[in-house]
Protein backbone atom coordinates (compact mmCIF):
# COMPACT_ATOMS: atom_id res chain seq x y z
CA MET A 1 -83.04 -37.07 50.80
CA SER A 2 -85.54 -36.02 53.55
CA SER A 3 -88.77 -34.21 52.49
CA GLY A 4 -89.57 -32.99 55.81
CA ILE A 5 -88.66 -33.20 59.59
CA VAL A 6 -89.89 -36.08 61.55
CA LYS A 7 -91.28 -35.54 64.80
CA ILE A 8 -89.25 -37.43 67.38
CA ASP A 9 -89.71 -37.41 71.02
CA ALA A 10 -86.95 -37.61 74.29
CA LYS A 11 -86.97 -41.37 74.28
CA ASP A 12 -85.65 -41.02 70.40
CA ARG A 13 -83.24 -38.82 71.03
CA LYS A 14 -81.91 -40.63 73.70
CA LEU A 15 -82.44 -44.13 71.75
CA LEU A 16 -80.38 -42.39 68.65
CA TYR A 17 -77.67 -41.17 71.06
CA GLU A 18 -76.92 -45.02 72.84
CA LEU A 19 -77.26 -46.20 69.20
CA ASP A 20 -74.36 -43.85 67.98
CA ILE A 21 -72.32 -44.61 71.38
CA ASP A 22 -72.62 -48.71 70.53
CA SER A 23 -75.16 -49.92 67.82
CA ARG A 24 -74.43 -53.55 67.97
CA ARG A 25 -75.84 -53.51 71.66
CA SER A 26 -78.90 -55.54 72.13
CA ALA A 27 -82.80 -54.32 72.44
CA SER A 28 -82.57 -55.29 76.16
CA GLN A 29 -79.12 -53.29 76.68
CA LEU A 30 -80.33 -50.35 74.74
CA ALA A 31 -83.87 -50.71 76.14
CA LYS A 32 -82.07 -50.34 79.89
CA LYS A 33 -80.09 -47.06 78.87
CA VAL A 34 -83.03 -45.19 77.37
CA GLY A 35 -85.98 -46.16 80.36
CA ILE A 36 -88.16 -48.08 77.81
CA SER A 37 -89.39 -52.03 77.18
CA LYS A 38 -87.29 -54.32 75.02
CA GLN A 39 -90.45 -54.68 72.69
CA GLY A 40 -90.78 -50.44 72.71
CA CYS A 41 -87.13 -50.33 72.19
CA THR A 42 -87.38 -52.59 69.19
CA TYR A 43 -90.59 -50.95 67.76
CA LYS A 44 -89.20 -47.30 68.18
CA ILE A 45 -85.75 -48.39 65.99
CA ASN A 46 -88.07 -49.80 63.49
CA SER A 47 -90.13 -46.75 63.29
CA LEU A 48 -87.13 -44.46 62.80
CA LYS A 49 -85.73 -46.52 59.91
CA LYS A 50 -89.36 -46.64 58.46
CA LYS A 51 -89.44 -42.99 58.87
CA GLY A 52 -86.16 -42.77 57.32
CA VAL A 53 -84.63 -40.60 60.41
CA ILE A 54 -81.68 -44.34 60.68
CA VAL A 55 -80.29 -44.42 57.55
CA SER A 56 -77.71 -47.46 58.51
CA PHE A 57 -75.58 -48.55 61.25
CA PRO A 58 -72.02 -48.60 59.86
CA THR A 59 -68.75 -50.31 62.21
CA VAL A 60 -66.17 -48.09 62.13
CA MET A 61 -62.67 -49.94 61.18
CA ASP A 62 -58.99 -48.70 61.87
CA ILE A 63 -58.28 -48.96 58.04
CA ALA A 64 -54.39 -48.14 58.83
CA LEU A 65 -54.24 -51.47 61.08
CA MET A 66 -55.36 -53.39 57.56
CA GLY A 67 -52.42 -51.55 55.62
CA TYR A 68 -54.33 -49.14 54.04
CA LEU A 69 -53.77 -45.12 53.31
CA SER A 70 -56.57 -42.78 53.50
CA PHE A 71 -56.40 -39.90 50.98
CA ARG A 72 -59.30 -37.28 50.97
CA LEU A 73 -60.39 -35.56 47.43
CA TYR A 74 -62.11 -32.27 47.06
CA PHE A 75 -63.59 -31.37 42.97
CA LYS A 76 -65.25 -28.46 42.08
CA LEU A 77 -67.00 -29.30 38.78
CA ILE A 78 -67.57 -26.98 35.72
CA ASP A 79 -70.09 -27.21 32.68
CA ILE A 80 -71.46 -30.49 33.59
CA SER A 81 -74.78 -31.76 32.52
CA PRO A 82 -77.00 -33.41 34.96
CA GLU A 83 -76.63 -36.31 33.69
CA ASP A 84 -72.96 -36.35 33.53
CA GLU A 85 -72.99 -35.28 37.12
CA GLU A 86 -74.97 -38.11 37.85
CA GLU A 87 -72.48 -40.33 36.12
CA PHE A 88 -69.83 -39.05 37.97
CA ARG A 89 -71.74 -39.88 41.37
CA ARG A 90 -72.59 -43.46 40.54
CA TYR A 91 -69.07 -43.97 39.59
CA MET A 92 -67.83 -42.53 42.76
CA ILE A 93 -70.37 -44.50 44.58
CA ASN A 94 -69.72 -47.78 42.76
CA ASN A 95 -65.86 -47.51 43.27
CA ARG A 96 -64.99 -50.17 45.70
CA ASP A 97 -61.66 -47.93 47.00
CA VAL A 98 -64.35 -44.86 47.48
CA PRO A 99 -65.79 -45.24 51.15
CA TRP A 100 -67.18 -41.97 51.64
CA LEU A 101 -68.73 -39.32 49.27
CA VAL A 102 -70.61 -36.18 50.54
CA GLY A 103 -72.28 -33.46 47.90
CA CYS A 104 -71.11 -29.95 49.27
CA GLU A 105 -72.46 -25.97 48.90
CA GLY A 106 -69.37 -23.65 49.17
CA ALA A 107 -65.96 -23.96 47.69
CA TRP A 108 -66.11 -27.18 46.43
CA ASP A 109 -69.20 -29.45 45.12
CA TYR A 110 -67.98 -32.60 46.05
CA ILE A 111 -65.48 -34.53 48.96
CA ALA A 112 -64.58 -38.12 48.58
CA VAL A 113 -62.36 -40.30 50.43
CA VAL A 114 -59.93 -42.78 49.21
CA PHE A 115 -58.53 -46.34 50.58
CA PRO A 116 -55.62 -47.28 48.21
CA PRO A 117 -53.33 -49.83 49.69
CA ASP A 118 -50.35 -47.72 48.21
CA PHE A 119 -49.43 -44.85 46.52
CA GLU A 120 -48.95 -46.51 42.94
CA SER A 121 -52.70 -47.59 43.82
CA PHE A 122 -53.92 -44.36 44.49
CA GLU A 123 -52.34 -42.77 41.23
CA ASN A 124 -53.84 -45.15 39.26
CA PHE A 125 -57.03 -44.44 40.71
CA SER A 126 -56.54 -40.50 39.90
CA ALA A 127 -55.19 -41.38 36.55
CA GLU A 128 -58.67 -43.01 35.74
CA LEU A 129 -60.59 -40.85 37.54
CA ASN A 130 -58.86 -37.98 35.53
CA ASN A 131 -59.58 -39.76 32.19
CA ARG A 132 -63.47 -40.33 32.71
CA PHE A 133 -64.14 -36.64 34.03
CA GLY A 134 -61.27 -34.62 33.74
CA LYS A 135 -62.96 -32.26 31.37
CA PHE A 136 -65.74 -31.62 33.99
CA ILE A 137 -63.10 -30.61 36.92
CA GLU A 138 -62.32 -27.35 37.15
CA LYS A 139 -60.37 -27.74 40.36
CA LYS A 140 -59.08 -30.79 42.46
CA ASP A 141 -56.98 -30.64 45.99
CA ILE A 142 -56.01 -33.66 47.53
CA ALA A 143 -55.35 -34.30 51.34
CA LEU A 144 -53.10 -37.29 52.91
CA VAL A 145 -55.02 -38.12 55.80
CA THR A 146 -52.86 -38.64 59.06
CA SER A 147 -54.97 -38.62 61.74
CA ALA A 148 -59.09 -39.24 61.79
CA HIS A 149 -60.80 -39.18 65.73
CA HIS A 150 -64.78 -39.81 65.02
CA PHE A 151 -66.15 -38.64 68.33
CA ARG A 152 -69.78 -40.25 69.50
CA CYS A 153 -72.47 -37.19 68.67
CA GLY A 154 -74.37 -35.12 70.99
CA TYR A 155 -76.11 -32.92 69.17
CA LEU A 156 -79.48 -34.42 69.58
CA LEU A 157 -79.14 -34.18 73.44
CA GLY A 158 -76.80 -31.17 74.00
CA GLU A 159 -74.23 -32.86 75.59
CA LYS A 160 -72.15 -36.16 75.35
CA LYS A 161 -70.34 -38.63 77.52
CA ASP A 162 -66.42 -38.70 77.79
CA VAL A 163 -66.05 -41.80 75.46
CA PRO A 164 -63.13 -42.63 73.54
CA PRO A 165 -62.48 -41.15 70.29
CA MET A 166 -62.82 -44.13 67.22
CA ILE A 167 -59.85 -43.68 65.19
CA TYR A 168 -59.80 -44.89 61.38
CA ALA A 169 -57.18 -43.70 59.90
CA GLY A 170 -53.13 -42.83 60.46
CA GLN A 171 -50.03 -44.37 60.83
CA PRO A 172 -50.11 -47.67 62.30
CA LYS A 173 -47.47 -48.94 64.73
CA ARG A 174 -48.10 -52.45 63.17
CA ILE A 175 -50.54 -54.17 60.25
CA GLU A 176 -52.78 -56.72 61.40
CA ARG A 177 -52.88 -59.82 59.48
CA LEU A 178 -56.58 -60.92 58.97
CA ASP A 179 -57.73 -64.38 57.62
CA ASP A 180 -60.59 -64.92 55.06
CA ILE A 181 -63.51 -65.45 58.11
CA GLU A 182 -62.61 -62.02 59.79
CA LYS A 183 -62.42 -60.31 56.28
CA SER A 184 -65.43 -62.01 55.52
CA ILE A 185 -67.08 -60.83 58.81
CA LEU A 186 -65.54 -57.18 58.31
CA SER A 187 -67.15 -57.19 55.38
CA LEU A 188 -70.73 -57.93 56.57
CA LEU A 189 -70.43 -55.24 59.78
CA SER A 190 -68.93 -52.38 57.29
CA LYS A 191 -72.97 -52.41 56.06
CA ASN A 192 -74.72 -53.44 58.88
CA ALA A 193 -73.42 -53.39 62.49
CA ARG A 194 -76.44 -54.60 64.05
CA ILE A 195 -76.35 -58.08 61.93
CA SER A 196 -77.30 -60.93 64.49
CA LEU A 197 -74.52 -63.50 64.95
CA LYS A 198 -76.91 -65.96 63.63
CA ASP A 199 -77.04 -64.16 60.16
CA ILE A 200 -73.00 -64.09 59.91
CA SER A 201 -73.01 -68.11 60.82
CA ARG A 202 -75.71 -68.90 58.03
CA ARG A 203 -73.97 -66.24 55.68
CA LEU A 204 -70.36 -67.38 56.29
CA ASP A 205 -71.04 -70.93 56.88
CA ILE A 206 -69.27 -71.09 60.66
CA PRO A 207 -70.83 -71.72 64.28
CA ALA A 208 -71.99 -68.62 65.72
CA LYS A 209 -69.67 -68.79 68.20
CA ILE A 210 -66.81 -68.60 65.92
CA ALA A 211 -68.12 -65.45 64.76
CA SER A 212 -68.51 -64.15 68.18
CA TYR A 213 -64.95 -64.75 69.38
CA ARG A 214 -63.57 -63.39 65.66
CA ILE A 215 -65.54 -59.94 66.36
CA GLN A 216 -64.11 -59.75 69.79
CA LYS A 217 -60.74 -60.29 68.93
CA LEU A 218 -61.23 -57.62 66.04
CA LYS A 219 -62.14 -55.36 68.58
CA SER A 220 -59.57 -56.23 71.09
CA LEU A 221 -57.22 -55.22 68.16
CA ASN A 222 -58.70 -52.02 67.32
CA VAL A 223 -59.70 -53.19 63.79
CA ILE A 224 -62.91 -52.67 65.05
CA GLU A 225 -63.46 -49.35 66.49
CA GLY A 226 -66.91 -49.32 67.46
CA PHE A 227 -70.61 -49.57 65.82
CA THR A 228 -72.79 -46.46 65.24
CA VAL A 229 -75.42 -44.95 63.42
CA THR A 230 -75.85 -42.72 60.61
CA VAL A 231 -79.14 -40.16 60.73
CA ASP A 232 -80.83 -38.26 58.20
CA LEU A 233 -79.90 -34.79 59.50
CA GLU A 234 -82.70 -32.94 57.76
CA LYS A 235 -85.33 -34.95 59.34
CA VAL A 236 -84.25 -34.20 62.55
CA GLY A 237 -83.71 -30.42 62.20
CA PHE A 238 -80.26 -30.42 61.66
CA GLU A 239 -77.45 -29.30 59.28
CA ARG A 240 -73.42 -30.30 58.80
CA TYR A 241 -70.44 -28.40 57.74
CA LYS A 242 -66.69 -28.84 57.41
CA VAL A 243 -64.26 -26.32 59.15
CA PHE A 244 -60.98 -26.58 57.28
CA ILE A 245 -58.37 -24.92 59.87
CA ARG A 246 -54.86 -23.75 59.11
CA THR A 247 -53.10 -23.40 62.05
CA LYS A 248 -50.05 -21.74 63.68
CA ASN A 249 -47.95 -22.24 67.05
CA MET A 250 -49.21 -25.67 67.08
CA THR A 251 -47.59 -27.47 69.92
CA SER A 252 -48.49 -31.24 70.63
CA GLU A 253 -49.58 -29.83 74.32
CA LYS A 254 -51.85 -27.31 72.37
CA GLU A 255 -52.83 -29.60 69.86
CA LYS A 256 -53.93 -32.18 72.69
CA THR A 257 -56.08 -29.45 74.53
CA PHE A 258 -57.96 -28.31 71.25
CA MET A 259 -58.56 -31.91 70.30
CA GLN A 260 -60.36 -32.64 73.68
CA TYR A 261 -62.29 -29.84 73.35
CA SER A 262 -63.62 -30.76 70.20
CA ARG A 263 -63.93 -34.38 71.62
CA MET A 264 -66.28 -33.39 74.07
CA GLN A 265 -68.07 -29.93 72.20
CA PRO A 266 -71.44 -31.97 71.40
CA TYR A 267 -71.72 -30.81 68.08
CA ILE A 268 -68.37 -31.71 66.76
CA LEU A 269 -68.53 -35.19 65.04
CA TYR A 270 -64.79 -35.71 63.13
CA TYR A 271 -61.57 -34.11 64.43
CA SER A 272 -58.76 -35.17 61.52
CA LYS A 273 -55.21 -33.91 60.49
CA SER A 274 -53.97 -34.07 57.11
CA ILE A 275 -51.06 -32.99 54.70
CA GLY A 276 -52.39 -30.55 52.54
CA THR A 277 -53.75 -27.22 51.97
CA ASN A 278 -55.67 -27.34 55.39
CA ASP A 279 -53.85 -28.40 58.60
CA VAL A 280 -56.74 -29.71 60.47
CA GLU A 281 -60.39 -30.47 59.44
CA LEU A 282 -63.56 -30.30 61.98
CA GLU A 283 -67.09 -31.43 60.81
CA LEU A 284 -69.74 -30.34 63.08
CA VAL A 285 -73.53 -31.17 63.12
CA VAL A 286 -75.67 -27.96 64.19
CA LYS A 287 -79.47 -26.57 64.14
CA ASP A 288 -78.08 -24.00 61.68
CA SER A 289 -75.77 -21.29 60.23
CA ILE A 290 -76.37 -18.93 63.34
CA HIS A 291 -75.88 -22.03 65.71
CA LEU A 292 -72.67 -22.59 63.64
CA ARG A 293 -71.06 -19.55 63.92
CA SER A 294 -71.78 -19.41 67.65
CA ILE A 295 -69.12 -22.66 68.24
CA ILE A 296 -66.53 -21.06 65.97
CA ALA A 297 -66.82 -17.85 68.10
CA ASP A 298 -66.26 -19.95 70.85
CA ILE A 299 -62.96 -21.69 69.19
CA ARG A 300 -61.65 -18.80 68.12
CA ASN A 301 -61.97 -17.40 71.48
CA LYS A 302 -60.30 -20.42 73.24
CA PHE A 303 -57.72 -21.11 70.39
CA GLY A 304 -57.87 -18.38 68.22
CA ASN A 305 -53.96 -17.95 68.67
CA LEU A 306 -53.57 -21.72 67.04
CA ILE A 307 -55.76 -20.57 64.03
CA LYS A 308 -54.18 -18.49 61.27
CA SER A 309 -57.44 -18.92 59.18
CA TYR A 310 -60.76 -21.11 58.46
CA GLU A 311 -63.39 -21.32 55.68
CA ILE A 312 -66.73 -23.27 56.02
CA LEU A 313 -68.32 -25.41 53.68
CA LYS A 314 -71.78 -26.80 54.01
CA ILE A 315 -72.35 -30.90 53.30
CA TYR A 316 -76.19 -31.44 52.06
CA ARG A 317 -75.73 -34.81 51.39
CA GLU A 318 -73.78 -37.81 52.29
CA TYR A 319 -74.12 -40.51 49.18
CA LYS A 320 -71.95 -43.06 50.52
CA LEU A 321 -69.94 -44.29 53.96
CA ASN A 322 -68.70 -47.44 54.45
CA TYR A 323 -65.50 -47.79 56.30
CA TYR A 324 -64.43 -51.25 55.24
CA PRO A 325 -61.53 -51.06 52.10
CA SER A 326 -63.49 -53.34 49.95
CA GLY A 327 -60.17 -54.32 48.12
CA VAL A 328 -59.38 -56.42 51.46
CA VAL A 329 -61.95 -59.00 50.34
CA GLY A 330 -60.29 -62.13 48.43
CA LYS A 331 -56.36 -60.43 48.53
CA GLY A 332 -53.65 -62.10 49.63
CA ARG A 333 -52.01 -59.10 51.03
CA SER A 334 -53.27 -59.56 54.65
CA SER A 335 -54.17 -63.21 54.75
């Protein structure tokens, strides 16, 4: 975690914003958007990485199109030593079925996402987790994610462009059949969206033109939804929260309006629907708890007739983020 706020200027903020919209763009393309030189852009990216402001460059993928489900797990731990808690985190981080893990303050201690290919696989995962750590789990909840939208962030500028959301989970209309080259490309991009075609070519022993063509194909199929950036929020003076919402009187038209509001609200990063205790989850990046309250007040003012109740949870650390279902590699189900 960060040890303090890092000073960033207006160009840094603009650059981070543009990287969030599409982090795979070249330094020349990004420089033009930000209003700096190509060399200045490269320097700023490297400097922000060195200072720990930029954590990674994830590639957002629609895992449903690859035949995977998305479950969200919530854990409240009890009577666990620091050593055992570290082992729990390490187990979750190293588990290839777990793409996302965060530590929280509030009703839950940890939230994890699991990408299983079917319900049986999820049951097996849950059973093994319970066998290893069940004695430390005071309470657990499960939600099946039916729709998940990742919005471009606007928190650094206080505004955002009307860019289509990146949809990474839900009920697909089709399953895309990926070959081994496409799977390997996705695996590399999931770790670093800015990896060069030259490096992909070298690592996979394929021509760069083939790598470029396959990436464009995966984008056109919406398997690749977008290329973004993750930022150490504490270093830039922001905090992250989840808002769990139980809805009422929700029609498809009202939901569309609520989702569009969330999409254009600069400080809302995620909007997801699930089958579980809560109907809608929002994820926000805000300046502080007072700022959060002002946004919630605005939501309640505009959509109070749709909200039965809500809860707030602070996310203090993101331990893992990788949108690619690692189990895809080497499996014949999609080849």
